[in-house]
Amino acid sequence: MTGLTFARTMDNAAKTMAVFTAVALLLPAAWVNISLALFLLFWMAGGNWREKLARVRANALTPWVLALFALFAIGLTYTSASQELALEIFGKYAKLLYIPLLFSVFYEPAWQRRAYYTFLTAMIVSLLLSYGQLLGWVPLGPPGQDYTLFKGRIAFGLFLAFTAYLLAHHLRTQPRLRWLWALLLGLALYNLLFMNEGRTGYAAFFGLLLLFACQLWRWRGLVIAVVAAALLGGGAFLGSPVFKTRIVEVADNIQQFEVGEADTSVGMRLQFYQNTLHLIATHPFLGGGTGSFIPEYAQLAEAQHVHPSRNPHNEYLMVTTQLGLAGLTLLLALGYRLWVHSRHLAAHYRHAAQGLLVTMGIGSLFNSLLMDFSEGHFFVYFCALLYADQTRPAAASNLLASNPEASEAARDVRS
């Protein structure tokens, strides 16, 4: 095998593992670690680093992603956490580095398309297996996670909400398969609202419903979305014991919290939010450093005789307490840039990109999604997949010079 043949084989292996990661997202965590480690190994073995790094540098989102990662690295230098703990938390955000690396794979439309449909297919298979659990053909998960397969109810609910949103767009744009998309959309909605117990998924779904309506009917979509949400939410509340129980529980927990009882699911979250805001007030600009939340909250919890926590179940607060307003500003700036660049994507990817931002934006109000394993990797993967072709104009000439034949081929495929 010649050196050129070996390099091409390794590059194709890296691309294959990048696509397989779409399946691994729905499997136990070890599969994601293995698939991404193999991707990185094959990516390095394939050589041609000049062109690969040129594509990484040329992407308009690379500086924003690396800036957020760098801020977490800087946070290691002044953190109040132990070195071991700080590195542990830093490692949870290190997944951000896969975004620019995957840019060098998914800029090719063929591999981008394969990854997108691989995830959609994997979600459809997971959805059908979930119904297999309902019918007793597949073993159930632990209590509260009955129909979620390898993911928890929060992650699976978020993935379901996002998938239902994608299916709705396919239903609209692919009339030849309308019956198939309608059937799958119905199965996804029933699973989400009648079988799944993840309230974060409910919230994300109604946010995506609003987005979908606005994408189709502009500002008129607000009225349509409110009516549709009322009908769907009211129908689920009346017809779904699972949905009703979870929503009533929220109202009950809030009432209990107001009278001083915080030992409930919602009550503890509200307590986490209040106490985290207190921590932020002690170091508002740069925060307490990477990983600082855990020891600082433990100290506060001991003084107040409340439950300790490893995170405040809110990504915005989690970032702010570690990196201060500087970190929060950079996180929001990244989200803003993602939204701006989504407007330049092809229609089907534009809708998916905006749906990703709404899913993560809403979900991060109730969970530390970027830090969490499944949801964080989901965000990283789809950022790379959907935005891989967002080349900065100033870098376009350098990119073309690094490999004019490949760049010309990519343009031909896109046209």
Protein backbone atom coordinates (compact mmCIF):
# COMPACT_ATOMS: atom_id res chain seq x y z
CA MET A 1 0.00 0.00 0.00
CA THR A 2 1.46 3.34 -1.08
CA GLY A 3 1.58 6.32 1.22
CA LEU A 4 -1.12 8.09 -0.79
CA THR A 5 -3.42 5.06 -0.68
CA PHE A 6 -2.88 4.70 3.07
CA ALA A 7 -3.68 8.38 3.64
CA ARG A 8 -6.90 8.10 1.62
CA THR A 9 -7.88 4.95 3.50
CA MET A 10 -7.33 6.66 6.83
CA ASP A 11 -9.26 9.74 5.71
CA ASN A 12 -12.21 7.61 4.63
CA ALA A 13 -12.03 5.74 7.93
CA ALA A 14 -12.11 9.06 9.81
CA LYS A 15 -15.13 10.19 7.82
CA THR A 16 -16.86 6.87 8.42
CA MET A 17 -16.30 7.14 12.16
CA ALA A 18 -17.57 10.72 12.09
CA VAL A 19 -20.80 9.49 10.50
CA PHE A 20 -21.05 6.53 12.89
CA THR A 21 -20.92 8.96 15.81
CA ALA A 22 -24.48 9.95 14.82
CA VAL A 23 -25.52 6.44 15.85
CA ALA A 24 -23.26 6.40 18.90
CA LEU A 25 -25.06 9.48 20.27
CA LEU A 26 -28.03 7.22 20.98
CA LEU A 27 -26.00 4.39 22.52
CA PRO A 28 -24.26 4.14 25.92
CA ALA A 29 -21.61 6.80 26.50
CA ALA A 30 -18.69 4.48 25.79
CA TRP A 31 -19.71 4.26 22.13
CA VAL A 32 -19.36 8.02 21.67
CA ASN A 33 -15.94 8.01 23.32
CA ILE A 34 -14.77 5.12 21.15
CA SER A 35 -16.13 6.51 17.88
CA LEU A 36 -14.65 9.97 18.44
CA ALA A 37 -11.32 8.54 19.59
CA LEU A 38 -11.13 6.43 16.44
CA PHE A 39 -12.14 9.43 14.36
CA LEU A 40 -9.28 11.44 15.86
CA LEU A 41 -6.81 8.58 15.38
CA PHE A 42 -7.73 8.09 11.71
CA TRP A 43 -7.87 11.85 11.15
CA MET A 44 -4.29 12.20 12.35
CA ALA A 45 -3.08 9.11 10.49
CA GLY A 46 -4.52 10.44 7.24
CA GLY A 47 -1.98 13.26 7.16
CA ASN A 48 -2.61 16.19 4.80
CA TRP A 49 -2.81 18.33 7.91
CA ARG A 50 -2.16 21.55 6.00
CA GLU A 51 -5.45 21.31 4.12
CA LYS A 52 -7.36 20.02 7.14
CA LEU A 53 -6.13 22.79 9.40
CA ALA A 54 -6.78 25.32 6.64
CA ARG A 55 -10.44 24.24 6.64
CA VAL A 56 -10.55 24.45 10.42
CA ARG A 57 -9.10 27.96 10.39
CA ALA A 58 -11.27 29.09 7.49
CA ASN A 59 -14.56 28.31 9.21
CA ALA A 60 -16.18 31.45 10.54
CA LEU A 61 -17.22 29.75 13.79
CA THR A 62 -13.84 28.29 14.74
CA PRO A 63 -12.60 31.44 16.57
CA TRP A 64 -15.77 31.58 18.70
CA VAL A 65 -15.60 27.93 19.67
CA LEU A 66 -11.89 28.10 20.46
CA ALA A 67 -12.37 31.32 22.44
CA LEU A 68 -14.92 29.65 24.72
CA PHE A 69 -12.66 26.63 25.15
CA ALA A 70 -9.69 28.90 25.87
CA LEU A 71 -11.65 30.71 28.55
CA PHE A 72 -12.27 27.42 30.34
CA ALA A 73 -8.53 26.72 30.06
CA ILE A 74 -7.71 30.13 31.55
CA GLY A 75 -10.19 29.39 34.32
CA LEU A 76 -7.91 26.57 35.45
CA THR A 77 -5.30 29.11 36.51
CA TYR A 78 -7.41 30.82 39.18
CA THR A 79 -10.00 28.24 40.16
CA SER A 80 -10.96 27.60 43.76
CA ALA A 81 -11.40 23.89 42.98
CA SER A 82 -8.70 21.29 43.48
CA GLN A 83 -6.54 20.57 40.45
CA GLU A 84 -8.09 17.12 40.02
CA LEU A 85 -11.65 18.43 40.16
CA ALA A 86 -10.90 21.41 37.92
CA LEU A 87 -9.41 19.11 35.27
CA GLU A 88 -12.41 16.81 35.54
CA ILE A 89 -14.84 19.65 34.79
CA PHE A 90 -12.52 21.08 32.14
CA GLY A 91 -12.60 17.68 30.45
CA LYS A 92 -16.39 17.87 30.20
CA TYR A 93 -16.07 21.02 28.11
CA ALA A 94 -13.10 19.76 26.07
CA LYS A 95 -15.61 18.16 23.69
CA LEU A 96 -15.88 21.63 22.12
CA LEU A 97 -12.62 20.92 20.29
CA TYR A 98 -14.34 18.29 18.17
CA ILE A 99 -16.39 21.01 16.47
CA PRO A 100 -13.53 22.50 14.41
CA LEU A 101 -12.01 19.07 13.80
CA LEU A 102 -15.28 17.74 12.39
CA PHE A 103 -15.53 20.81 10.17
CA SER A 104 -12.76 19.24 8.10
CA VAL A 105 -15.00 16.23 7.38
CA PHE A 106 -18.49 17.59 7.03
CA TYR A 107 -17.58 20.37 4.61
CA GLU A 108 -18.06 17.66 1.95
CA PRO A 109 -21.80 17.63 1.13
CA ALA A 110 -21.91 13.87 0.63
CA TRP A 111 -20.56 13.12 4.12
CA GLN A 112 -22.67 15.88 5.64
CA ARG A 113 -25.79 14.34 4.10
CA ARG A 114 -24.83 10.84 5.23
CA ALA A 115 -24.36 12.00 8.82
CA TYR A 116 -27.65 13.88 8.87
CA TYR A 117 -29.69 10.94 7.59
CA THR A 118 -27.76 8.49 9.74
CA PHE A 119 -28.87 10.36 12.85
CA LEU A 120 -32.44 10.61 11.59
CA THR A 121 -32.50 6.89 10.81
CA ALA A 122 -30.97 6.01 14.18
CA MET A 123 -33.61 8.12 15.95
CA ILE A 124 -36.39 6.41 14.00
CA VAL A 125 -34.99 3.00 14.97
CA SER A 126 -34.75 4.12 18.60
CA LEU A 127 -38.32 5.37 18.42
CA LEU A 128 -39.55 2.01 17.11
CA LEU A 129 -37.56 0.15 19.77
CA SER A 130 -39.17 2.37 22.39
CA TYR A 131 -42.54 1.17 21.16
CA GLY A 132 -41.13 -2.33 21.37
CA GLN A 133 -40.61 -1.66 25.07
CA LEU A 134 -44.22 -0.48 25.34
CA LEU A 135 -45.42 -3.70 23.71
CA GLY A 136 -43.19 -5.87 25.89
CA TRP A 137 -40.92 -7.00 23.06
CA VAL A 138 -37.88 -5.12 24.45
CA PRO A 139 -36.91 -5.01 28.16
CA LEU A 140 -37.92 -1.83 29.99
CA GLY A 141 -35.43 0.58 31.48
CA PRO A 142 -35.33 1.62 35.16
CA PRO A 143 -38.38 3.35 36.72
CA GLY A 144 -38.92 6.80 35.27
CA GLN A 145 -36.79 5.88 32.23
CA ASP A 146 -39.13 3.19 30.96
CA TYR A 147 -39.08 3.90 27.22
CA THR A 148 -35.77 5.67 26.73
CA LEU A 149 -33.42 2.78 25.78
CA PHE A 150 -29.80 3.79 26.44
CA LYS A 151 -30.45 7.47 27.24
CA GLY A 152 -32.08 9.11 30.24
CA ARG A 153 -35.49 10.70 29.88
CA ILE A 154 -34.00 14.20 29.61
CA ALA A 155 -31.65 13.39 26.73
CA PHE A 156 -34.09 11.11 24.94
CA GLY A 157 -36.89 13.66 25.32
CA LEU A 158 -34.70 16.41 23.85
CA PHE A 159 -33.65 14.20 20.96
CA LEU A 160 -37.30 13.26 20.37
CA ALA A 161 -38.42 16.90 20.33
CA PHE A 162 -35.67 17.81 17.87
CA THR A 163 -36.46 14.79 15.69
CA ALA A 164 -40.18 15.61 15.64
CA TYR A 165 -39.26 19.10 14.46
CA LEU A 166 -37.10 17.67 11.65
CA LEU A 167 -39.85 15.24 10.65
CA ALA A 168 -42.33 18.13 10.46
CA HIS A 169 -40.06 19.90 7.98
CA HIS A 170 -39.63 16.71 5.93
CA LEU A 171 -43.41 16.32 5.90
CA ARG A 172 -43.68 19.82 4.49
CA THR A 173 -40.92 19.60 1.88
CA GLN A 174 -41.12 15.99 0.64
CA PRO A 175 -44.71 15.41 -0.54
CA ARG A 176 -43.92 12.06 -2.17
CA LEU A 177 -43.16 10.55 1.23
CA ARG A 178 -45.74 12.61 3.11
CA TRP A 179 -47.52 9.54 4.46
CA LEU A 180 -44.25 8.18 5.89
CA TRP A 181 -43.19 11.45 7.52
CA ALA A 182 -46.70 11.97 8.92
CA LEU A 183 -46.70 8.48 10.46
CA LEU A 184 -43.25 8.95 12.00
CA LEU A 185 -44.15 12.41 13.28
CA GLY A 186 -47.26 11.01 14.94
CA LEU A 187 -45.24 8.24 16.59
CA ALA A 188 -42.64 10.74 17.80
CA LEU A 189 -45.25 13.10 19.28
CA TYR A 190 -47.13 10.32 21.02
CA ASN A 191 -43.89 8.95 22.46
CA LEU A 192 -42.81 12.39 23.66
CA LEU A 193 -46.11 13.48 25.20
CA PHE A 194 -47.65 10.16 26.28
CA MET A 195 -44.68 7.93 27.12
CA ASN A 196 -41.65 10.05 28.00
CA GLU A 197 -41.41 11.73 31.43
CA GLY A 198 -38.77 14.32 30.52
CA ARG A 199 -40.21 17.78 31.11
CA THR A 200 -37.21 19.38 29.38
CA GLY A 201 -38.30 17.61 26.22
CA TYR A 202 -41.81 19.03 26.62
CA ALA A 203 -40.44 22.57 26.95
CA ALA A 204 -38.13 22.15 23.97
CA PHE A 205 -40.96 20.77 21.85
CA PHE A 206 -43.25 23.73 22.44
CA GLY A 207 -40.36 26.09 21.73
CA LEU A 208 -39.70 24.24 18.47
CA LEU A 209 -43.39 24.41 17.62
CA LEU A 210 -43.18 28.20 17.92
CA LEU A 211 -40.04 28.25 15.76
CA PHE A 212 -41.64 26.02 13.12
CA ALA A 213 -44.72 28.23 12.89
CA CYS A 214 -42.64 31.41 12.64
CA GLN A 215 -40.45 29.88 9.92
CA LEU A 216 -43.52 29.10 7.84
CA TRP A 217 -45.80 32.06 8.56
CA ARG A 218 -43.54 34.74 10.03
CA TRP A 219 -45.21 36.79 12.75
CA ARG A 220 -48.60 35.26 11.98
CA GLY A 221 -47.00 32.02 13.11
CA LEU A 222 -47.03 33.29 16.70
CA VAL A 223 -50.81 33.11 16.78
CA ILE A 224 -50.84 29.77 14.99
CA ALA A 225 -48.22 28.38 17.37
CA VAL A 226 -50.11 29.54 20.47
CA VAL A 227 -53.30 27.89 19.22
CA ALA A 228 -51.48 24.69 18.23
CA ALA A 229 -49.63 24.58 21.57
CA ALA A 230 -52.89 25.05 23.46
CA LEU A 231 -54.55 22.24 21.51
CA LEU A 232 -51.62 19.84 21.78
CA GLY A 233 -50.83 20.70 25.38
CA GLY A 234 -54.47 20.57 26.41
CA GLY A 235 -54.99 17.28 24.61
CA ALA A 236 -51.90 15.78 26.22
CA PHE A 237 -52.94 17.06 29.65
CA LEU A 238 -56.38 15.51 29.33
CA GLY A 239 -55.34 12.30 27.61
CA SER A 240 -51.85 11.52 28.88
CA PRO A 241 -51.48 10.49 32.53
CA VAL A 242 -47.71 10.81 32.19
CA PHE A 243 -47.82 14.37 30.83
CA LYS A 244 -50.48 15.46 33.33
CA THR A 245 -48.61 14.02 36.30
CA ARG A 246 -45.37 15.74 35.34
CA ILE A 247 -47.04 19.13 34.75
CA VAL A 248 -49.13 19.00 37.93
CA GLU A 249 -45.98 18.06 39.81
CA VAL A 250 -44.35 21.31 38.68
CA ALA A 251 -47.23 23.41 40.01
CA ASP A 252 -47.30 21.49 43.29
CA ASN A 253 -43.52 21.77 43.74
CA ILE A 254 -43.59 25.52 43.16
CA GLN A 255 -46.34 25.93 45.76
CA GLN A 256 -44.34 23.86 48.23
CA PHE A 257 -41.23 25.95 47.55
CA GLU A 258 -43.12 29.16 48.23
CA VAL A 259 -44.00 27.92 51.73
CA GLY A 260 -40.41 26.87 52.46
CA GLU A 261 -40.42 23.23 51.31
CA ALA A 262 -37.57 22.83 48.80
CA ASP A 263 -37.08 19.06 49.03
CA THR A 264 -38.76 18.39 45.67
CA SER A 265 -37.49 18.10 42.11
CA VAL A 266 -38.52 21.62 41.09
CA GLY A 267 -37.90 23.05 44.56
CA MET A 268 -34.27 21.94 44.59
CA ARG A 269 -33.73 23.45 41.15
CA LEU A 270 -35.16 26.77 42.32
CA GLN A 271 -32.92 26.59 45.37
CA PHE A 272 -29.91 25.84 43.16
CA TYR A 273 -30.72 28.90 41.03
CA GLN A 274 -31.02 31.23 44.02
CA ASN A 275 -27.82 30.03 45.65
CA THR A 276 -25.88 30.06 42.39
CA LEU A 277 -26.84 33.69 41.82
CA HIS A 278 -25.42 34.37 45.28
CA LEU A 279 -22.14 32.69 44.26
CA ILE A 280 -22.02 34.68 41.04
CA ALA A 281 -22.44 37.92 43.00
CA THR A 282 -19.21 37.16 44.91
CA HIS A 283 -17.13 37.10 41.69
CA PRO A 284 -19.29 38.49 38.87
CA PHE A 285 -16.74 39.34 36.19
CA LEU A 286 -14.41 36.34 35.86
CA GLY A 287 -16.14 33.83 38.12
CA GLY A 288 -14.50 31.40 40.50
CA GLY A 289 -12.63 29.47 37.82
CA THR A 290 -13.21 26.20 36.00
CA GLY A 291 -14.77 23.62 38.32
CA SER A 292 -15.27 26.15 41.12
CA PHE A 293 -19.01 25.60 41.42
CA ILE A 294 -18.72 22.29 43.27
CA PRO A 295 -16.53 23.35 46.25
CA GLU A 296 -18.12 26.78 46.51
CA TYR A 297 -21.65 25.42 46.48
CA ALA A 298 -20.70 22.68 48.93
CA GLN A 299 -19.46 25.33 51.35
CA LEU A 300 -22.63 27.38 50.91
CA ALA A 301 -24.86 24.30 51.25
CA GLU A 302 -23.15 23.33 54.50
CA ALA A 303 -23.69 26.82 55.90
CA GLN A 304 -27.37 26.85 54.88
CA HIS A 305 -28.01 23.17 55.67
CA VAL A 306 -29.35 22.46 52.17
CA HIS A 307 -28.62 19.81 49.56
CA PRO A 308 -25.19 20.08 47.83
CA SER A 309 -24.99 19.81 44.05
CA ARG A 310 -22.38 19.31 41.35
CA ASN A 311 -24.14 21.71 39.01
CA PRO A 312 -27.02 24.23 39.21
CA HIS A 313 -29.03 22.48 36.47
CA ASN A 314 -28.75 25.56 34.29
CA GLU A 315 -25.94 25.95 31.78
CA TYR A 316 -26.05 29.75 31.79
CA LEU A 317 -25.58 29.84 35.55
CA MET A 318 -22.99 27.06 35.41
CA VAL A 319 -20.83 28.98 32.96
CA THR A 320 -21.30 32.30 34.77
CA THR A 321 -20.36 31.00 38.20
CA GLN A 322 -17.14 29.56 36.74
CA LEU A 323 -16.18 32.20 34.15
CA GLY A 324 -18.23 35.20 35.23
CA LEU A 325 -20.02 37.59 32.92
CA ALA A 326 -17.13 37.22 30.49
CA GLY A 327 -17.97 33.55 30.05
CA LEU A 328 -21.70 34.15 29.79
CA THR A 329 -21.15 36.88 27.20
CA LEU A 330 -18.96 34.59 25.12
CA LEU A 331 -21.46 31.72 25.37
CA LEU A 332 -24.32 33.98 24.24
CA ALA A 333 -22.13 35.47 21.51
CA LEU A 334 -21.46 31.97 20.18
CA GLY A 335 -25.18 31.30 20.12
CA TYR A 336 -25.79 34.59 18.32
CA ARG A 337 -23.14 33.81 15.69
CA LEU A 338 -24.67 30.37 15.16
CA TRP A 339 -28.06 31.97 14.57
CA VAL A 340 -26.63 34.56 12.16
CA HIS A 341 -24.75 31.95 10.14
CA SER A 342 -27.77 29.64 10.06
CA ARG A 343 -29.34 32.11 7.63
CA HIS A 344 -26.65 31.29 5.07
CA LEU A 345 -27.27 27.53 5.13
CA ALA A 346 -29.32 25.54 2.66
CA ALA A 347 -32.99 25.49 3.69
CA HIS A 348 -33.08 22.00 5.25
CA TYR A 349 -29.87 22.59 7.20
CA ARG A 350 -30.95 26.11 8.14
CA HIS A 351 -34.11 24.77 9.77
CA ALA A 352 -32.13 22.07 11.57
CA ALA A 353 -29.53 24.59 12.80
CA GLN A 354 -32.16 26.95 14.17
CA GLY A 355 -33.97 24.02 15.75
CA LEU A 356 -30.72 22.94 17.41
CA LEU A 357 -30.27 26.40 18.94
CA VAL A 358 -33.84 26.51 20.26
CA THR A 359 -33.53 22.97 21.66
CA MET A 360 -30.28 23.69 23.47
CA GLY A 361 -31.26 27.23 24.43
CA ILE A 362 -34.45 26.14 26.17
CA GLY A 363 -33.01 22.92 27.58
CA SER A 364 -30.09 24.81 29.11
CA LEU A 365 -32.52 26.76 31.28
CA PHE A 366 -33.23 23.56 33.22
CA ASN A 367 -30.02 21.54 32.81
CA SER A 368 -26.30 22.09 32.27
CA LEU A 369 -26.57 20.67 28.77
CA LEU A 370 -23.20 21.70 27.36
CA MET A 371 -21.43 20.08 30.30
CA ASP A 372 -23.66 16.98 30.28
CA PHE A 373 -22.36 14.07 28.24
CA SER A 374 -25.14 13.09 25.83
CA GLU A 375 -26.66 16.51 25.27
CA GLY A 376 -23.26 18.21 25.06
CA HIS A 377 -22.00 15.79 22.42
CA PHE A 378 -25.28 16.18 20.56
CA PHE A 379 -24.70 19.94 20.39
CA VAL A 380 -21.06 19.56 19.37
CA TYR A 381 -21.88 17.04 16.66
CA PHE A 382 -24.66 19.03 15.05
CA CYS A 383 -22.72 22.29 15.22
CA ALA A 384 -19.97 20.64 13.19
CA LEU A 385 -22.39 18.87 10.88
CA LEU A 386 -24.59 21.84 10.02
CA TYR A 387 -22.03 24.68 9.93
CA ALA A 388 -19.07 22.96 8.28
CA ASP A 389 -19.24 25.03 5.10
CA GLN A 390 -19.36 28.46 6.76
CA THR A 391 -16.08 29.76 5.35
CA ARG A 392 -14.88 33.25 6.20
CA PRO A 393 -14.54 35.31 2.98
CA ALA A 394 -11.06 36.46 3.98
CA ALA A 395 -9.94 32.83 4.29
CA ALA A 396 -11.51 31.55 1.07
CA SER A 397 -8.50 32.32 -1.15
CA ASN A 398 -6.06 30.66 1.25
CA LEU A 399 -8.29 27.61 1.46
CA LEU A 400 -8.50 27.36 -2.32
CA ALA A 401 -4.73 27.67 -2.59
CA SER A 402 -4.18 24.84 -0.12
CA ASN A 403 -6.08 22.38 -2.32
CA PRO A 404 -7.69 23.91 -5.41
CA GLU A 405 -8.93 20.60 -6.85
CA ALA A 406 -10.77 19.59 -3.67
CA SER A 407 -12.24 23.06 -3.24
CA GLU A 408 -13.43 23.11 -6.86
CA ALA A 409 -14.98 19.67 -6.46
CA ALA A 410 -16.81 20.73 -3.33
CA ARG A 411 -18.26 23.75 -5.11
CA ASP A 412 -19.37 21.59 -8.03
CA VAL A 413 -21.23 19.23 -5.71
CA ARG A 414 -22.98 22.10 -3.90
CA SER A 415 -24.06 23.66 -7.17
